[in-house]
Amino acid sequence: MGKRLKRITVTDPLSYLKLMSLTQNARFVITDSGGFQKESYWASKRGILPMPQGGWQEITDTGWHTLVKDVVDADWESLISNILEPFNYPTNIFGDGKAAEKIVKIIGDRINL
């Protein structure tokens, strides 16, 4: 087993606060959790997704997370090397966070507020 693989920590399920604390201090994540894919994106952590489906396509389409469909035959050393390469953080892939303001303005304009 490669030296990088020996440094991976596998855990039982964690509380949200513990999970996010570990995430903030991680170099990258490996997860099959759809929810954690988003959390790790928002924490600016790249990820490897060992799952047959793409999860959040917005994240995988940018290359921020790498989908691994064949976990058994995957070249984990290469996957980890690639995920650690410098990569520009894809901003606002889920929007700019101002949807409510835009909706209120549109409704207000329609009813002349």
PDB file of N, CA and C in Angstrom:
ATOM      1  N   MET A   1       0.845  -1.183   0.000  1.00  0.00           N
ATOM      2  CA  MET A   1       0.000   0.000   0.000  1.00  0.00           C
ATOM      3  C   MET A   1       0.889   1.244   0.000  1.00  0.00           C
ATOM      4  N   GLY A   2       0.520   2.242  -0.773  1.00  0.00           N
ATOM      5  CA  GLY A   2       1.321   3.452  -0.877  1.00  0.00           C
ATOM      6  C   GLY A   2       1.332   4.257   0.411  1.00  0.00           C
ATOM      7  N   LYS A   3       2.342   5.114   0.529  1.00  0.00           N
ATOM      8  CA  LYS A   3       2.474   5.907   1.758  1.00  0.00           C
ATOM      9  C   LYS A   3       1.300   6.855   1.954  1.00  0.00           C
ATOM     10  N   ARG A   4       0.722   7.372   0.869  1.00  0.00           N
ATOM     11  CA  ARG A   4      -0.435   8.258   1.010  1.00  0.00           C
ATOM     12  C   ARG A   4      -1.644   7.511   1.538  1.00  0.00           C
ATOM     13  N   LEU A   5      -1.846   6.287   1.069  1.00  0.00           N
ATOM     14  CA  LEU A   5      -2.999   5.512   1.513  1.00  0.00           C
ATOM     15  C   LEU A   5      -2.915   5.188   3.002  1.00  0.00           C
ATOM     16  N   LYS A   6      -1.720   5.053   3.529  1.00  0.00           N
ATOM     17  CA  LYS A   6      -1.558   4.758   4.949  1.00  0.00           C
ATOM     18  C   LYS A   6      -1.978   5.928   5.830  1.00  0.00           C
ATOM     19  N   ARG A   7      -2.005   7.132   5.272  1.00  0.00           N
ATOM     20  CA  ARG A   7      -2.338   8.318   6.060  1.00  0.00           C
ATOM     21  C   ARG A   7      -3.815   8.679   5.997  1.00  0.00           C
ATOM     22  N   ILE A   8      -4.635   7.856   5.340  1.00  0.00           N
ATOM     23  CA  ILE A   8      -6.074   8.104   5.271  1.00  0.00           C
ATOM     24  C   ILE A   8      -6.719   7.618   6.563  1.00  0.00           C
ATOM     25  N   THR A   9      -7.589   8.451   7.104  1.00  0.00           N
ATOM     26  CA  THR A   9      -8.316   8.099   8.312  1.00  0.00           C
ATOM     27  C   THR A   9      -9.738   7.714   7.944  1.00  0.00           C
ATOM     28  N   VAL A  10     -10.151   6.524   8.330  1.00  0.00           N
ATOM     29  CA  VAL A  10     -11.515   6.055   8.125  1.00  0.00           C
ATOM     30  C   VAL A  10     -12.208   6.113   9.479  1.00  0.00           C
ATOM     31  N   THR A  11     -13.415   6.692   9.502  1.00  0.00           N
ATOM     32  CA  THR A  11     -14.119   6.859  10.776  1.00  0.00           C
ATOM     33  C   THR A  11     -15.515   6.268  10.724  1.00  0.00           C
ATOM     34  N   ASP A  12     -16.056   6.032  11.893  1.00  0.00           N
ATOM     35  CA  ASP A  12     -17.481   5.758  12.020  1.00  0.00           C
ATOM     36  C   ASP A  12     -18.196   7.082  11.789  1.00  0.00           C
ATOM     37  N   PRO A  13     -19.516   7.069  11.637  1.00  0.00           N
ATOM     38  CA  PRO A  13     -20.240   8.331  11.456  1.00  0.00           C
ATOM     39  C   PRO A  13     -19.908   9.331  12.567  1.00  0.00           C
ATOM     40  N   LEU A  14     -19.824  10.608  12.184  1.00  0.00           N
ATOM     41  CA  LEU A  14     -19.450  11.680  13.102  1.00  0.00           C
ATOM     42  C   LEU A  14     -20.576  12.691  13.224  1.00  0.00           C
ATOM     43  N   SER A  15     -20.567  13.444  14.306  1.00  0.00           N
ATOM     44  CA  SER A  15     -21.503  14.560  14.426  1.00  0.00           C
ATOM     45  C   SER A  15     -21.125  15.606  13.378  1.00  0.00           C
ATOM     46  N   TYR A  16     -22.065  16.475  13.058  1.00  0.00           N
ATOM     47  CA  TYR A  16     -21.807  17.501  12.050  1.00  0.00           C
ATOM     48  C   TYR A  16     -20.619  18.375  12.438  1.00  0.00           C
ATOM     49  N   LEU A  17     -20.581  18.822  13.685  1.00  0.00           N
ATOM     50  CA  LEU A  17     -19.496  19.713  14.106  1.00  0.00           C
ATOM     51  C   LEU A  17     -18.136  19.027  14.037  1.00  0.00           C
ATOM     52  N   LYS A  18     -18.065  17.786  14.460  1.00  0.00           N
ATOM     53  CA  LYS A  18     -16.805  17.043  14.395  1.00  0.00           C
ATOM     54  C   LYS A  18     -16.389  16.828  12.933  1.00  0.00           C
ATOM     55  N   LEU A  19     -17.362  16.473  12.093  1.00  0.00           N
ATOM     56  CA  LEU A  19     -17.082  16.261  10.679  1.00  0.00           C
ATOM     57  C   LEU A  19     -16.530  17.528  10.038  1.00  0.00           C
ATOM     58  N   MET A  20     -17.148  18.661  10.308  1.00  0.00           N
ATOM     59  CA  MET A  20     -16.691  19.905   9.688  1.00  0.00           C
ATOM     60  C   MET A  20     -15.352  20.362  10.258  1.00  0.00           C
ATOM     61  N   SER A  21     -15.098  20.069  11.523  1.00  0.00           N
ATOM     62  CA  SER A  21     -13.796  20.383  12.103  1.00  0.00           C
ATOM     63  C   SER A  21     -12.701  19.584  11.401  1.00  0.00           C
ATOM     64  N   LEU A  22     -12.934  18.311  11.217  1.00  0.00           N
ATOM     65  CA  LEU A  22     -11.959  17.476  10.507  1.00  0.00           C
ATOM     66  C   LEU A  22     -11.823  17.915   9.052  1.00  0.00           C
ATOM     67  N   THR A  23     -12.925  18.286   8.434  1.00  0.00           N
ATOM     68  CA  THR A  23     -12.896  18.725   7.042  1.00  0.00           C
ATOM     69  C   THR A  23     -12.030  19.968   6.879  1.00  0.00           C
ATOM     70  N   GLN A  24     -12.178  20.926   7.772  1.00  0.00           N
ATOM     71  CA  GLN A  24     -11.394  22.152   7.686  1.00  0.00           C
ATOM     72  C   GLN A  24      -9.895  21.877   7.750  1.00  0.00           C
ATOM     73  N   ASN A  25      -9.516  20.806   8.429  1.00  0.00           N
ATOM     74  CA  ASN A  25      -8.104  20.484   8.589  1.00  0.00           C
ATOM     75  C   ASN A  25      -7.606  19.402   7.621  1.00  0.00           C
ATOM     76  N   ALA A  26      -8.486  18.937   6.745  1.00  0.00           N
ATOM     77  CA  ALA A  26      -8.114  17.893   5.785  1.00  0.00           C
ATOM     78  C   ALA A  26      -7.540  18.519   4.513  1.00  0.00           C
ATOM     79  N   ARG A  27      -6.724  17.767   3.814  1.00  0.00           N
ATOM     80  CA  ARG A  27      -6.231  18.226   2.508  1.00  0.00           C
ATOM     81  C   ARG A  27      -7.255  17.950   1.420  1.00  0.00           C
ATOM     82  N   PHE A  28      -8.033  16.875   1.559  1.00  0.00           N
ATOM     83  CA  PHE A  28      -9.103  16.525   0.638  1.00  0.00           C
ATOM     84  C   PHE A  28     -10.004  15.531   1.352  1.00  0.00           C
ATOM     85  N   VAL A  29     -11.133  15.179   0.736  1.00  0.00           N
ATOM     86  CA  VAL A  29     -12.047  14.216   1.338  1.00  0.00           C
ATOM     87  C   VAL A  29     -12.346  13.096   0.351  1.00  0.00           C
ATOM     88  N   ILE A  30     -12.732  11.960   0.909  1.00  0.00           N
ATOM     89  CA  ILE A  30     -13.271  10.851   0.131  1.00  0.00           C
ATOM     90  C   ILE A  30     -14.623  10.554   0.756  1.00  0.00           C
ATOM     91  N   THR A  31     -15.691  10.618  -0.038  1.00  0.00           N
ATOM     92  CA  THR A  31     -17.026  10.421   0.523  1.00  0.00           C
ATOM     93  C   THR A  31     -17.992   9.864  -0.514  1.00  0.00           C
ATOM     94  N   ASP A  32     -18.994   9.146  -0.020  1.00  0.00           N
ATOM     95  CA  ASP A  32     -20.106   8.731  -0.878  1.00  0.00           C
ATOM     96  C   ASP A  32     -21.392   9.416  -0.414  1.00  0.00           C
ATOM     97  N   SER A  33     -21.252  10.449   0.380  1.00  0.00           N
ATOM     98  CA  SER A  33     -22.395  11.186   0.912  1.00  0.00           C
ATOM     99  C   SER A  33     -22.693  12.407   0.046  1.00  0.00           C
ATOM    100  N   GLY A  34     -23.916  12.465  -0.459  1.00  0.00           N
ATOM    101  CA  GLY A  34     -24.318  13.611  -1.254  1.00  0.00           C
ATOM    102  C   GLY A  34     -24.278  14.910  -0.469  1.00  0.00           C
ATOM    103  N   GLY A  35     -24.728  14.862   0.771  1.00  0.00           N
ATOM    104  CA  GLY A  35     -24.704  16.062   1.602  1.00  0.00           C
ATOM    105  C   GLY A  35     -23.290  16.530   1.887  1.00  0.00           C
ATOM    106  N   PHE A  36     -22.413  15.596   2.177  1.00  0.00           N
ATOM    107  CA  PHE A  36     -21.037  15.966   2.493  1.00  0.00           C
ATOM    108  C   PHE A  36     -20.279  16.455   1.257  1.00  0.00           C
ATOM    109  N   GLN A  37     -20.713  16.032   0.077  1.00  0.00           N
ATOM    110  CA  GLN A  37     -20.099  16.573  -1.138  1.00  0.00           C
ATOM    111  C   GLN A  37     -20.252  18.091  -1.162  1.00  0.00           C
ATOM    112  N   LYS A  38     -21.463  18.558  -0.864  1.00  0.00           N
ATOM    113  CA  LYS A  38     -21.701  20.008  -0.851  1.00  0.00           C
ATOM    114  C   LYS A  38     -20.933  20.675   0.282  1.00  0.00           C
ATOM    115  N   GLU A  39     -20.959  20.081   1.465  1.00  0.00           N
ATOM    116  CA  GLU A  39     -20.259  20.671   2.610  1.00  0.00           C
ATOM    117  C   GLU A  39     -18.764  20.790   2.321  1.00  0.00           C
ATOM    118  N   SER A  40     -18.187  19.761   1.712  1.00  0.00           N
ATOM    119  CA  SER A  40     -16.753  19.826   1.420  1.00  0.00           C
ATOM    120  C   SER A  40     -16.466  20.857   0.331  1.00  0.00           C
ATOM    121  N   TYR A  41     -17.384  21.005  -0.619  1.00  0.00           N
ATOM    122  CA  TYR A  41     -17.222  22.062  -1.629  1.00  0.00           C
ATOM    123  C   TYR A  41     -17.211  23.421  -0.937  1.00  0.00           C
ATOM    124  N   TRP A  42     -18.189  23.671  -0.069  1.00  0.00           N
ATOM    125  CA  TRP A  42     -18.275  24.966   0.621  1.00  0.00           C
ATOM    126  C   TRP A  42     -17.080  25.187   1.550  1.00  0.00           C
ATOM    127  N   ALA A  43     -16.465  24.091   2.006  1.00  0.00           N
ATOM    128  CA  ALA A  43     -15.270  24.203   2.852  1.00  0.00           C
ATOM    129  C   ALA A  43     -13.997  24.314   1.993  1.00  0.00           C
ATOM    130  N   SER A  44     -14.165  24.406   0.688  1.00  0.00           N
ATOM    131  CA  SER A  44     -13.045  24.529  -0.259  1.00  0.00           C
ATOM    132  C   SER A  44     -12.116  23.321  -0.247  1.00  0.00           C
ATOM    133  N   LYS A  45     -12.690  22.141  -0.031  1.00  0.00           N
ATOM    134  CA  LYS A  45     -11.900  20.904  -0.044  1.00  0.00           C
ATOM    135  C   LYS A  45     -12.280  20.067  -1.253  1.00  0.00           C
ATOM    136  N   ARG A  46     -11.290  19.678  -2.003  1.00  0.00           N
ATOM    137  CA  ARG A  46     -11.533  18.794  -3.144  1.00  0.00           C
ATOM    138  C   ARG A  46     -11.909  17.418  -2.629  1.00  0.00           C
ATOM    139  N   GLY A  47     -12.519  16.619  -3.497  1.00  0.00           N
ATOM    140  CA  GLY A  47     -12.981  15.323  -3.044  1.00  0.00           C
ATOM    141  C   GLY A  47     -12.932  14.243  -4.095  1.00  0.00           C
ATOM    142  N   ILE A  48     -12.866  13.018  -3.595  1.00  0.00           N
ATOM    143  CA  ILE A  48     -12.956  11.813  -4.418  1.00  0.00           C
ATOM    144  C   ILE A  48     -14.257  11.142  -4.018  1.00  0.00           C
ATOM    145  N   LEU A  49     -15.079  10.810  -5.015  1.00  0.00           N
ATOM    146  CA  LEU A  49     -16.392  10.234  -4.767  1.00  0.00           C
ATOM    147  C   LEU A  49     -16.448   8.799  -5.278  1.00  0.00           C
ATOM    148  N   PRO A  50     -16.282   7.813  -4.390  1.00  0.00           N
ATOM    149  CA  PRO A  50     -16.343   6.407  -4.813  1.00  0.00           C
ATOM    150  C   PRO A  50     -17.792   5.932  -4.879  1.00  0.00           C
ATOM    151  N   MET A  51     -18.454   6.255  -5.992  1.00  0.00           N
ATOM    152  CA  MET A  51     -19.862   5.902  -6.123  1.00  0.00           C
ATOM    153  C   MET A  51     -20.224   5.771  -7.602  1.00  0.00           C
ATOM    154  N   PRO A  52     -21.221   4.942  -7.904  1.00  0.00           N
ATOM    155  CA  PRO A  52     -21.575   4.724  -9.304  1.00  0.00           C
ATOM    156  C   PRO A  52     -22.288   5.916  -9.944  1.00  0.00           C
ATOM    157  N   GLN A  53     -22.971   6.718  -9.167  1.00  0.00           N
ATOM    158  CA  GLN A  53     -23.670   7.899  -9.684  1.00  0.00           C
ATOM    159  C   GLN A  53     -22.837   9.140  -9.392  1.00  0.00           C
ATOM    160  N   GLY A  54     -23.115  10.207 -10.085  1.00  0.00           N
ATOM    161  CA  GLY A  54     -22.307  11.410  -9.976  1.00  0.00           C
ATOM    162  C   GLY A  54     -22.575  12.308  -8.796  1.00  0.00           C
ATOM    163  N   GLY A  55     -23.587  12.040  -8.011  1.00  0.00           N
ATOM    164  CA  GLY A  55     -23.868  12.932  -6.899  1.00  0.00           C
ATOM    165  C   GLY A  55     -24.237  14.308  -7.413  1.00  0.00           C
ATOM    166  N   TRP A  56     -23.608  15.332  -6.881  1.00  0.00           N
ATOM    167  CA  TRP A  56     -23.865  16.708  -7.305  1.00  0.00           C
ATOM    168  C   TRP A  56     -23.070  16.991  -8.564  1.00  0.00           C
ATOM    169  N   GLN A  57     -23.754  16.907  -9.693  1.00  0.00           N
ATOM    170  CA  GLN A  57     -23.104  17.061 -10.988  1.00  0.00           C
ATOM    171  C   GLN A  57     -22.447  18.426 -11.134  1.00  0.00           C
ATOM    172  N   GLU A  58     -23.010  19.451 -10.484  1.00  0.00           N
ATOM    173  CA  GLU A  58     -22.403  20.785 -10.559  1.00  0.00           C
ATOM    174  C   GLU A  58     -20.958  20.752 -10.055  1.00  0.00           C
ATOM    175  N   ILE A  59     -20.703  19.920  -9.050  1.00  0.00           N
ATOM    176  CA  ILE A  59     -19.358  19.848  -8.470  1.00  0.00           C
ATOM    177  C   ILE A  59     -18.442  18.975  -9.327  1.00  0.00           C
ATOM    178  N   THR A  60     -18.938  17.824  -9.750  1.00  0.00           N
ATOM    179  CA  THR A  60     -18.085  16.929 -10.541  1.00  0.00           C
ATOM    180  C   THR A  60     -17.822  17.488 -11.935  1.00  0.00           C
ATOM    181  N   ASP A  61     -18.791  18.205 -12.501  1.00  0.00           N
ATOM    182  CA  ASP A  61     -18.578  18.791 -13.839  1.00  0.00           C
ATOM    183  C   ASP A  61     -17.439  19.802 -13.841  1.00  0.00           C
ATOM    184  N   THR A  62     -17.217  20.466 -12.719  1.00  0.00           N
ATOM    185  CA  THR A  62     -16.135  21.450 -12.652  1.00  0.00           C
ATOM    186  C   THR A  62     -14.769  20.794 -12.476  1.00  0.00           C
ATOM    187  N   GLY A  63     -14.752  19.506 -12.066  1.00  0.00           N
ATOM    188  CA  GLY A  63     -13.498  18.820 -11.768  1.00  0.00           C
ATOM    189  C   GLY A  63     -13.069  18.988 -10.322  1.00  0.00           C
ATOM    190  N   TRP A  64     -13.866  19.732  -9.539  1.00  0.00           N
ATOM    191  CA  TRP A  64     -13.512  19.949  -8.131  1.00  0.00           C
ATOM    192  C   TRP A  64     -13.536  18.619  -7.375  1.00  0.00           C
ATOM    193  N   HIS A  65     -14.533  17.797  -7.655  1.00  0.00           N
ATOM    194  CA  HIS A  65     -14.595  16.443  -7.106  1.00  0.00           C
ATOM    195  C   HIS A  65     -14.435  15.460  -8.265  1.00  0.00           C
ATOM    196  N   THR A  66     -13.795  14.348  -7.982  1.00  0.00           N
ATOM    197  CA  THR A  66     -13.557  13.318  -8.992  1.00  0.00           C
ATOM    198  C   THR A  66     -14.410  12.095  -8.686  1.00  0.00           C
ATOM    199  N   LEU A  67     -15.203  11.685  -9.649  1.00  0.00           N
ATOM    200  CA  LEU A  67     -16.063  10.523  -9.511  1.00  0.00           C
ATOM    201  C   LEU A  67     -15.280   9.254  -9.824  1.00  0.00           C
ATOM    202  N   VAL A  68     -15.406   8.251  -8.964  1.00  0.00           N
ATOM    203  CA  VAL A  68     -14.748   6.955  -9.164  1.00  0.00           C
ATOM    204  C   VAL A  68     -15.832   5.887  -9.189  1.00  0.00           C
ATOM    205  N   LYS A  69     -16.121   5.372 -10.387  1.00  0.00           N
ATOM    206  CA  LYS A  69     -17.198   4.386 -10.532  1.00  0.00           C
ATOM    207  C   LYS A  69     -16.746   2.981 -10.168  1.00  0.00           C
ATOM    208  N   ASP A  70     -15.487   2.645 -10.458  1.00  0.00           N
ATOM    209  CA  ASP A  70     -14.969   1.301 -10.185  1.00  0.00           C
ATOM    210  C   ASP A  70     -13.962   1.390  -9.037  1.00  0.00           C
ATOM    211  N   VAL A  71     -14.462   1.283  -7.831  1.00  0.00           N
ATOM    212  CA  VAL A  71     -13.640   1.474  -6.631  1.00  0.00           C
ATOM    213  C   VAL A  71     -12.555   0.411  -6.510  1.00  0.00           C
ATOM    214  N   VAL A  72     -12.870  -0.812  -6.877  1.00  0.00           N
ATOM    215  CA  VAL A  72     -11.930  -1.923  -6.708  1.00  0.00           C
ATOM    216  C   VAL A  72     -10.714  -1.772  -7.618  1.00  0.00           C
ATOM    217  N   ASP A  73     -10.943  -1.419  -8.862  1.00  0.00           N
ATOM    218  CA  ASP A  73      -9.841  -1.333  -9.825  1.00  0.00           C
ATOM    219  C   ASP A  73      -9.267   0.073  -9.975  1.00  0.00           C
ATOM    220  N   ALA A  74      -9.706   1.004  -9.149  1.00  0.00           N
ATOM    221  CA  ALA A  74      -9.220   2.383  -9.257  1.00  0.00           C
ATOM    222  C   ALA A  74      -7.740   2.475  -8.879  1.00  0.00           C
ATOM    223  N   ASP A  75      -7.048   3.377  -9.523  1.00  0.00           N
ATOM    224  CA  ASP A  75      -5.652   3.666  -9.201  1.00  0.00           C
ATOM    225  C   ASP A  75      -5.659   4.773  -8.144  1.00  0.00           C
ATOM    226  N   TRP A  76      -5.744   4.386  -6.884  1.00  0.00           N
ATOM    227  CA  TRP A  76      -5.921   5.334  -5.782  1.00  0.00           C
ATOM    228  C   TRP A  76      -4.728   6.267  -5.628  1.00  0.00           C
ATOM    229  N   GLU A  77      -3.542   5.779  -5.861  1.00  0.00           N
ATOM    230  CA  GLU A  77      -2.363   6.651  -5.778  1.00  0.00           C
ATOM    231  C   GLU A  77      -2.481   7.796  -6.779  1.00  0.00           C
ATOM    232  N   SER A  78      -2.878   7.490  -8.018  1.00  0.00           N
ATOM    233  CA  SER A  78      -3.040   8.534  -9.044  1.00  0.00           C
ATOM    234  C   SER A  78      -4.194   9.466  -8.709  1.00  0.00           C
ATOM    235  N   LEU A  79      -5.292   8.900  -8.227  1.00  0.00           N
ATOM    236  CA  LEU A  79      -6.435   9.737  -7.849  1.00  0.00           C
ATOM    237  C   LEU A  79      -6.042  10.750  -6.776  1.00  0.00           C
ATOM    238  N   ILE A  80      -5.327  10.271  -5.778  1.00  0.00           N
ATOM    239  CA  ILE A  80      -4.913  11.161  -4.686  1.00  0.00           C
ATOM    240  C   ILE A  80      -3.899  12.188  -5.185  1.00  0.00           C
ATOM    241  N   SER A  81      -2.952  11.762  -6.010  1.00  0.00           N
ATOM    242  CA  SER A  81      -1.989  12.711  -6.577  1.00  0.00           C
ATOM    243  C   SER A  81      -2.702  13.804  -7.362  1.00  0.00           C
ATOM    244  N   ASN A  82      -3.688  13.409  -8.169  1.00  0.00           N
ATOM    245  CA  ASN A  82      -4.424  14.380  -8.984  1.00  0.00           C
ATOM    246  C   ASN A  82      -5.249  15.333  -8.125  1.00  0.00           C
ATOM    247  N   ILE A  83      -5.869  14.823  -7.088  1.00  0.00           N
ATOM    248  CA  ILE A  83      -6.733  15.668  -6.257  1.00  0.00           C
ATOM    249  C   ILE A  83      -5.908  16.673  -5.451  1.00  0.00           C
ATOM    250  N   LEU A  84      -4.634  16.372  -5.241  1.00  0.00           N
ATOM    251  CA  LEU A  84      -3.762  17.286  -4.498  1.00  0.00           C
ATOM    252  C   LEU A  84      -3.096  18.346  -5.391  1.00  0.00           C
ATOM    253  N   GLU A  85      -3.255  18.225  -6.694  1.00  0.00           N
ATOM    254  CA  GLU A  85      -2.698  19.219  -7.614  1.00  0.00           C
ATOM    255  C   GLU A  85      -3.433  20.548  -7.441  1.00  0.00           C
ATOM    256  N   PRO A  86      -2.740  21.661  -7.619  1.00  0.00           N
ATOM    257  CA  PRO A  86      -3.421  22.970  -7.543  1.00  0.00           C
ATOM    258  C   PRO A  86      -4.578  23.041  -8.542  1.00  0.00           C
ATOM    259  N   PHE A  87      -5.665  23.632  -8.114  1.00  0.00           N
ATOM    260  CA  PHE A  87      -6.879  23.685  -8.927  1.00  0.00           C
ATOM    261  C   PHE A  87      -7.669  24.909  -8.479  1.00  0.00           C
ATOM    262  N   ASN A  88      -8.092  25.723  -9.423  1.00  0.00           N
ATOM    263  CA  ASN A  88      -8.865  26.916  -9.069  1.00  0.00           C
ATOM    264  C   ASN A  88     -10.239  26.534  -8.543  1.00  0.00           C
ATOM    265  N   TYR A  89     -10.593  27.098  -7.397  1.00  0.00           N
ATOM    266  CA  TYR A  89     -11.890  26.844  -6.769  1.00  0.00           C
ATOM    267  C   TYR A  89     -13.007  27.389  -7.652  1.00  0.00           C
ATOM    268  N   PRO A  90     -13.961  26.522  -8.047  1.00  0.00           N
ATOM    269  CA  PRO A  90     -15.069  26.985  -8.887  1.00  0.00           C
ATOM    270  C   PRO A  90     -16.131  27.690  -8.033  1.00  0.00           C
ATOM    271  N   THR A  91     -16.214  28.996  -8.154  1.00  0.00           N
ATOM    272  CA  THR A  91     -17.118  29.765  -7.296  1.00  0.00           C
ATOM    273  C   THR A  91     -18.547  29.790  -7.841  1.00  0.00           C
ATOM    274  N   ASN A  92     -19.468  29.961  -6.922  1.00  0.00           N
ATOM    275  CA  ASN A  92     -20.886  30.192  -7.227  1.00  0.00           C
ATOM    276  C   ASN A  92     -21.528  29.150  -8.133  1.00  0.00           C
ATOM    277  N   ILE A  93     -21.132  27.897  -8.034  1.00  0.00           N
ATOM    278  CA  ILE A  93     -21.740  26.891  -8.905  1.00  0.00           C
ATOM    279  C   ILE A  93     -23.180  26.596  -8.503  1.00  0.00           C
ATOM    280  N   PHE A  94     -23.571  26.976  -7.302  1.00  0.00           N
ATOM    281  CA  PHE A  94     -24.956  26.801  -6.859  1.00  0.00           C
ATOM    282  C   PHE A  94     -25.694  28.138  -6.803  1.00  0.00           C
ATOM    283  N   GLY A  95     -25.146  29.160  -7.431  1.00  0.00           N
ATOM    284  CA  GLY A  95     -25.771  30.474  -7.422  1.00  0.00           C
ATOM    285  C   GLY A  95     -24.984  31.434  -6.555  1.00  0.00           C
ATOM    286  N   ASP A  96     -25.461  32.661  -6.503  1.00  0.00           N
ATOM    287  CA  ASP A  96     -24.737  33.697  -5.769  1.00  0.00           C
ATOM    288  C   ASP A  96     -25.272  33.944  -4.361  1.00  0.00           C
ATOM    289  N   GLY A  97     -26.266  33.161  -3.927  1.00  0.00           N
ATOM    290  CA  GLY A  97     -26.815  33.319  -2.579  1.00  0.00           C
ATOM    291  C   GLY A  97     -27.812  34.452  -2.457  1.00  0.00           C
ATOM    292  N   LYS A  98     -28.220  35.019  -3.570  1.00  0.00           N
ATOM    293  CA  LYS A  98     -29.129  36.165  -3.528  1.00  0.00           C
ATOM    294  C   LYS A  98     -30.476  35.865  -4.176  1.00  0.00           C
ATOM    295  N   ALA A  99     -30.859  34.603  -4.221  1.00  0.00           N
ATOM    296  CA  ALA A  99     -32.119  34.210  -4.865  1.00  0.00           C
ATOM    297  C   ALA A  99     -33.319  34.877  -4.194  1.00  0.00           C
ATOM    298  N   ALA A 100     -33.352  34.893  -2.867  1.00  0.00           N
ATOM    299  CA  ALA A 100     -34.498  35.481  -2.164  1.00  0.00           C
ATOM    300  C   ALA A 100     -34.656  36.958  -2.518  1.00  0.00           C
ATOM    301  N   GLU A 101     -33.558  37.699  -2.551  1.00  0.00           N
ATOM    302  CA  GLU A 101     -33.620  39.128  -2.911  1.00  0.00           C
ATOM    303  C   GLU A 101     -34.174  39.303  -4.322  1.00  0.00           C
ATOM    304  N   LYS A 102     -33.722  38.467  -5.243  1.00  0.00           N
ATOM    305  CA  LYS A 102     -34.179  38.562  -6.633  1.00  0.00           C
ATOM    306  C   LYS A 102     -35.667  38.235  -6.743  1.00  0.00           C
ATOM    307  N   ILE A 103     -36.106  37.232  -6.010  1.00  0.00           N
ATOM    308  CA  ILE A 103     -37.521  36.837  -6.042  1.00  0.00           C
ATOM    309  C   ILE A 103     -38.398  37.953  -5.483  1.00  0.00           C
ATOM    310  N   VAL A 104     -37.996  38.529  -4.343  1.00  0.00           N
ATOM    311  CA  VAL A 104     -38.764  39.621  -3.735  1.00  0.00           C
ATOM    312  C   VAL A 104     -38.845  40.800  -4.696  1.00  0.00           C
ATOM    313  N   LYS A 105     -37.749  41.125  -5.361  1.00  0.00           N
ATOM    314  CA  LYS A 105     -37.753  42.245  -6.311  1.00  0.00           C
ATOM    315  C   LYS A 105     -38.695  41.971  -7.468  1.00  0.00           C
ATOM    316  N   ILE A 106     -38.640  40.766  -8.041  1.00  0.00           N
ATOM    317  CA  ILE A 106     -39.511  40.412  -9.162  1.00  0.00           C
ATOM    318  C   ILE A 106     -40.972  40.489  -8.750  1.00  0.00           C
ATOM    319  N   ILE A 107     -41.311  39.922  -7.589  1.00  0.00           N
ATOM    320  CA  ILE A 107     -42.697  39.959  -7.116  1.00  0.00           C
ATOM    321  C   ILE A 107     -43.122  41.408  -6.858  1.00  0.00           C
ATOM    322  N   GLY A 108     -42.235  42.162  -6.214  1.00  0.00           N
ATOM    323  CA  GLY A 108     -42.530  43.570  -5.940  1.00  0.00           C
ATOM    324  C   GLY A 108     -42.772  44.351  -7.219  1.00  0.00           C
ATOM    325  N   ASP A 109     -41.951  44.108  -8.251  1.00  0.00           N
ATOM    326  CA  ASP A 109     -42.121  44.791  -9.529  1.00  0.00           C
ATOM    327  C   ASP A 109     -43.438  44.410 -10.192  1.00  0.00           C
ATOM    328  N   ARG A 110     -43.839  43.162 -10.030  1.00  0.00           N
ATOM    329  CA  ARG A 110     -45.077  42.688 -10.672  1.00  0.00           C
ATOM    330  C   ARG A 110     -46.329  43.245 -10.004  1.00  0.00           C
ATOM    331  N   ILE A 111     -46.252  43.448  -8.690  1.00  0.00           N
ATOM    332  CA  ILE A 111     -47.442  43.964  -8.001  1.00  0.00           C
ATOM    333  C   ILE A 111     -47.274  45.431  -7.625  1.00  0.00           C
ATOM    334  N   ASN A 112     -46.266  46.070  -8.243  1.00  0.00           N
ATOM    335  CA  ASN A 112     -46.023  47.505  -8.071  1.00  0.00           C
ATOM    336  C   ASN A 112     -45.823  47.926  -6.631  1.00  0.00           C
ATOM    337  N   LEU A 113     -44.934  47.226  -5.920  1.00  0.00           N
ATOM    338  CA  LEU A 113     -44.621  47.638  -4.547  1.00  0.00           C
ATOM    339  C   LEU A 113     -43.544  48.689  -4.526  1.00  0.00           C
TER     340      LEU A 113
END
